[in-house]
C-alpha atoms as a PDB file:
ATOM      1  CA  UNK A   1      -6.987 -74.150 -49.686  1.00  0.00           C
ATOM      2  CA  UNK A   2      -6.895 -70.455 -50.370  1.00  0.00           C
ATOM      3  CA  UNK A   3      -4.458 -70.174 -53.294  1.00  0.00           C
ATOM      4  CA  UNK A   4      -3.798 -66.456 -52.745  1.00  0.00           C
ATOM      5  CA  UNK A   5      -3.073 -66.933 -49.042  1.00  0.00           C
ATOM      6  CA  UNK A   6      -0.790 -69.905 -49.692  1.00  0.00           C
ATOM      7  CA  UNK A   7       1.077 -67.922 -52.348  1.00  0.00           C
ATOM      8  CA  UNK A   8       1.631 -65.034 -49.913  1.00  0.00           C
ATOM      9  CA  UNK A   9       2.756 -67.490 -47.231  1.00  0.00           C
ATOM     10  CA  UNK A  10       5.333 -69.137 -49.498  1.00  0.00           C
ATOM     11  CA  UNK A  11       6.486 -65.751 -50.791  1.00  0.00           C
ATOM     12  CA  UNK A  12       7.043 -64.476 -47.246  1.00  0.00           C
ATOM     13  CA  UNK A  13       9.031 -67.575 -46.283  1.00  0.00           C
ATOM     14  CA  UNK A  14      11.300 -67.395 -49.325  1.00  0.00           C
ATOM     15  CA  UNK A  15      11.653 -63.597 -49.070  1.00  0.00           C
ATOM     16  CA  UNK A  16      12.721 -63.878 -45.414  1.00  0.00           C
ATOM     17  CA  UNK A  17      15.247 -66.574 -46.235  1.00  0.00           C
ATOM     18  CA  UNK A  18      16.733 -64.536 -49.095  1.00  0.00           C
ATOM     19  CA  UNK A  19      16.821 -61.397 -46.975  1.00  0.00           C
ATOM     20  CA  UNK A  20      18.976 -62.946 -44.236  1.00  0.00           C
ATOM     21  CA  UNK A  21      21.413 -65.242 -46.044  1.00  0.00           C
ATOM     22  CA  UNK A  22      24.962 -64.077 -46.709  1.00  0.00           C
ATOM     23  CA  UNK A  23      26.153 -63.369 -50.249  1.00  0.00           C
ATOM     24  CA  UNK A  24      26.359 -66.682 -52.066  1.00  0.00           C
ATOM     25  CA  UNK A  25      24.034 -68.240 -49.490  1.00  0.00           C
ATOM     26  CA  UNK A  26      21.576 -71.044 -50.045  1.00  0.00           C
ATOM     27  CA  UNK A  27      17.800 -71.416 -49.706  1.00  0.00           C
ATOM     28  CA  UNK A  28      16.105 -74.808 -50.046  1.00  0.00           C
ATOM     29  CA  UNK A  29      12.360 -75.265 -50.491  1.00  0.00           C
ATOM     30  CA  UNK A  30      10.893 -78.733 -49.997  1.00  0.00           C
ATOM     31  CA  UNK A  31       7.411 -80.209 -49.971  1.00  0.00           C
ATOM     32  CA  UNK A  32       6.725 -83.523 -48.295  1.00  0.00           C
ATOM     33  CA  UNK A  33       3.411 -85.328 -48.279  1.00  0.00           C
ATOM     34  CA  UNK A  34       2.148 -88.065 -45.988  1.00  0.00           C
ATOM     35  CA  UNK A  35      -1.280 -89.640 -45.754  1.00  0.00           C
ATOM     36  CA  UNK A  36      -2.358 -86.954 -43.261  1.00  0.00           C
ATOM     37  CA  UNK A  37      -0.204 -83.885 -43.871  1.00  0.00           C
ATOM     38  CA  UNK A  38       1.643 -81.729 -46.361  1.00  0.00           C
ATOM     39  CA  UNK A  39       4.853 -80.199 -45.000  1.00  0.00           C
ATOM     40  CA  UNK A  40       6.370 -77.159 -46.671  1.00  0.00           C
ATOM     41  CA  UNK A  41       9.921 -76.527 -45.516  1.00  0.00           C
ATOM     42  CA  UNK A  42      12.102 -73.491 -46.263  1.00  0.00           C
ATOM     43  CA  UNK A  43      15.695 -73.749 -45.039  1.00  0.00           C
ATOM     44  CA  UNK A  44      18.604 -71.344 -45.363  1.00  0.00           C
ATOM     45  CA  UNK A  45      22.201 -71.039 -44.259  1.00  0.00           C
ATOM     46  CA  UNK A  46      21.816 -67.587 -42.727  1.00  0.00           C
ATOM     47  CA  UNK A  47      22.278 -66.603 -39.085  1.00  0.00           C
ATOM     48  CA  UNK A  48      19.150 -68.399 -37.888  1.00  0.00           C
ATOM     49  CA  UNK A  49      16.979 -67.277 -34.995  1.00  0.00           C
ATOM     50  CA  UNK A  50      17.976 -67.839 -31.374  1.00  0.00           C
ATOM     51  CA  UNK A  51      15.694 -70.256 -29.515  1.00  0.00           C
ATOM     52  CA  UNK A  52      14.653 -67.470 -27.113  1.00  0.00           C
ATOM     53  CA  UNK A  53      13.346 -65.364 -30.031  1.00  0.00           C
ATOM     54  CA  UNK A  54      11.517 -68.074 -31.980  1.00  0.00           C
ATOM     55  CA  UNK A  55       8.063 -67.482 -30.541  1.00  0.00           C
ATOM     56  CA  UNK A  56       8.343 -63.687 -30.608  1.00  0.00           C
ATOM     57  CA  UNK A  57       9.073 -63.538 -34.360  1.00  0.00           C
ATOM     58  CA  UNK A  58       5.417 -64.449 -34.956  1.00  0.00           C
ATOM     59  CA  UNK A  59       4.269 -61.242 -33.209  1.00  0.00           C
ATOM     60  CA  UNK A  60       3.130 -58.549 -35.604  1.00  0.00           C
ATOM     61  CA  UNK A  61       5.775 -55.878 -36.209  1.00  0.00           C
ATOM     62  CA  UNK A  62       8.351 -57.645 -34.029  1.00  0.00           C
ATOM     63  CA  UNK A  63      11.917 -57.371 -35.236  1.00  0.00           C
ATOM     64  CA  UNK A  64      14.848 -59.097 -33.559  1.00  0.00           C
ATOM     65  CA  UNK A  65      16.987 -56.430 -31.874  1.00  0.00           C
ATOM     66  CA  UNK A  66      20.028 -55.549 -33.957  1.00  0.00           C
ATOM     67  CA  UNK A  67      18.541 -56.874 -37.209  1.00  0.00           C
ATOM     68  CA  UNK A  68      20.064 -55.029 -40.159  1.00  0.00           C
ATOM     69  CA  UNK A  69      17.829 -56.373 -42.940  1.00  0.00           C
ATOM     70  CA  UNK A  70      14.862 -54.267 -43.980  1.00  0.00           C
ATOM     71  CA  UNK A  71      11.333 -55.414 -43.306  1.00  0.00           C
ATOM     72  CA  UNK A  72       8.116 -54.639 -41.483  1.00  0.00           C
ATOM     73  CA  UNK A  73       8.083 -57.518 -39.008  1.00  0.00           C
ATOM     74  CA  UNK A  74       4.869 -58.902 -40.512  1.00  0.00           C
ATOM     75  CA  UNK A  75       6.168 -61.781 -42.660  1.00  0.00           C
ATOM     76  CA  UNK A  76       6.108 -64.613 -40.133  1.00  0.00           C
ATOM     77  CA  UNK A  77       2.936 -63.299 -38.483  1.00  0.00           C
ATOM     78  CA  UNK A  78       1.229 -63.622 -41.865  1.00  0.00           C
ATOM     79  CA  UNK A  79       2.731 -67.079 -42.401  1.00  0.00           C
ATOM     80  CA  UNK A  80       1.300 -68.261 -39.066  1.00  0.00           C
ATOM     81  CA  UNK A  81      -2.097 -66.695 -39.810  1.00  0.00           C
ATOM     82  CA  UNK A  82      -2.362 -68.359 -43.233  1.00  0.00           C
ATOM     83  CA  UNK A  83      -1.311 -71.703 -41.743  1.00  0.00           C
ATOM     84  CA  UNK A  84      -3.929 -71.353 -38.988  1.00  0.00           C
ATOM     85  CA  UNK A  85      -6.641 -70.518 -41.520  1.00  0.00           C
ATOM     86  CA  UNK A  86      -5.785 -73.846 -43.170  1.00  0.00           C
ATOM     87  CA  UNK A  87      -5.872 -75.639 -39.781  1.00  0.00           C
ATOM     88  CA  UNK A  88      -2.092 -75.993 -39.823  1.00  0.00           C
ATOM     89  CA  UNK A  89       0.867 -74.891 -37.745  1.00  0.00           C
ATOM     90  CA  UNK A  90       4.341 -73.415 -38.183  1.00  0.00           C
ATOM     91  CA  UNK A  91       7.512 -74.732 -36.582  1.00  0.00           C
ATOM     92  CA  UNK A  92      10.893 -72.993 -36.495  1.00  0.00           C
ATOM     93  CA  UNK A  93      14.126 -74.873 -35.958  1.00  0.00           C
ATOM     94  CA  UNK A  94      17.736 -75.145 -36.986  1.00  0.00           C
ATOM     95  CA  UNK A  95      18.521 -76.084 -40.573  1.00  0.00           C
ATOM     96  CA  UNK A  96      20.914 -78.971 -41.123  1.00  0.00           C
ATOM     97  CA  UNK A  97      24.383 -77.471 -41.281  1.00  0.00           C
ATOM     98  CA  UNK A  98      23.299 -74.210 -39.621  1.00  0.00           C
ATOM     99  CA  UNK A  99      20.821 -71.509 -40.447  1.00  0.00           C
ATOM    100  CA  UNK A 100      17.055 -71.617 -40.100  1.00  0.00           C
ATOM    101  CA  UNK A 101      14.356 -74.063 -41.123  1.00  0.00           C
ATOM    102  CA  UNK A 102      10.704 -73.028 -41.110  1.00  0.00           C
ATOM    103  CA  UNK A 103       8.157 -75.805 -41.587  1.00  0.00           C
ATOM    104  CA  UNK A 104       4.485 -75.286 -42.306  1.00  0.00           C
ATOM    105  CA  UNK A 105       2.471 -78.407 -41.506  1.00  0.00           C
ATOM    106  CA  UNK A 106      -0.947 -78.525 -43.142  1.00  0.00           C
ATOM    107  CA  UNK A 107      -3.558 -81.266 -42.864  1.00  0.00           C
ATOM    108  CA  UNK A 108      -4.599 -83.000 -46.058  1.00  0.00           C
ATOM    109  CA  UNK A 109      -8.315 -83.017 -46.723  1.00  0.00           C
END
């Protein structure tokens, strides 16, 4: 894979998680590998993203209305683009115990 692109992707995921968690919050980064895929998962215990907004957050420059944290609205758009360039996909869901989990699923070569 493209090491620079993957580094930016991981940086954006962790930066987003850190940006939205409350003081004393938690961010977990996991990597799982199967025979066919590698799954990078970043979970936090922040406010999460409502199901209705989950597809829109991949739009360039989109920011959830009322968001107080700073940012350009490009982070998840870049994550999706890097994943696509590696023939992968990005899934957003609820983290266990509340918060957000973002999974990047990449095929193994």
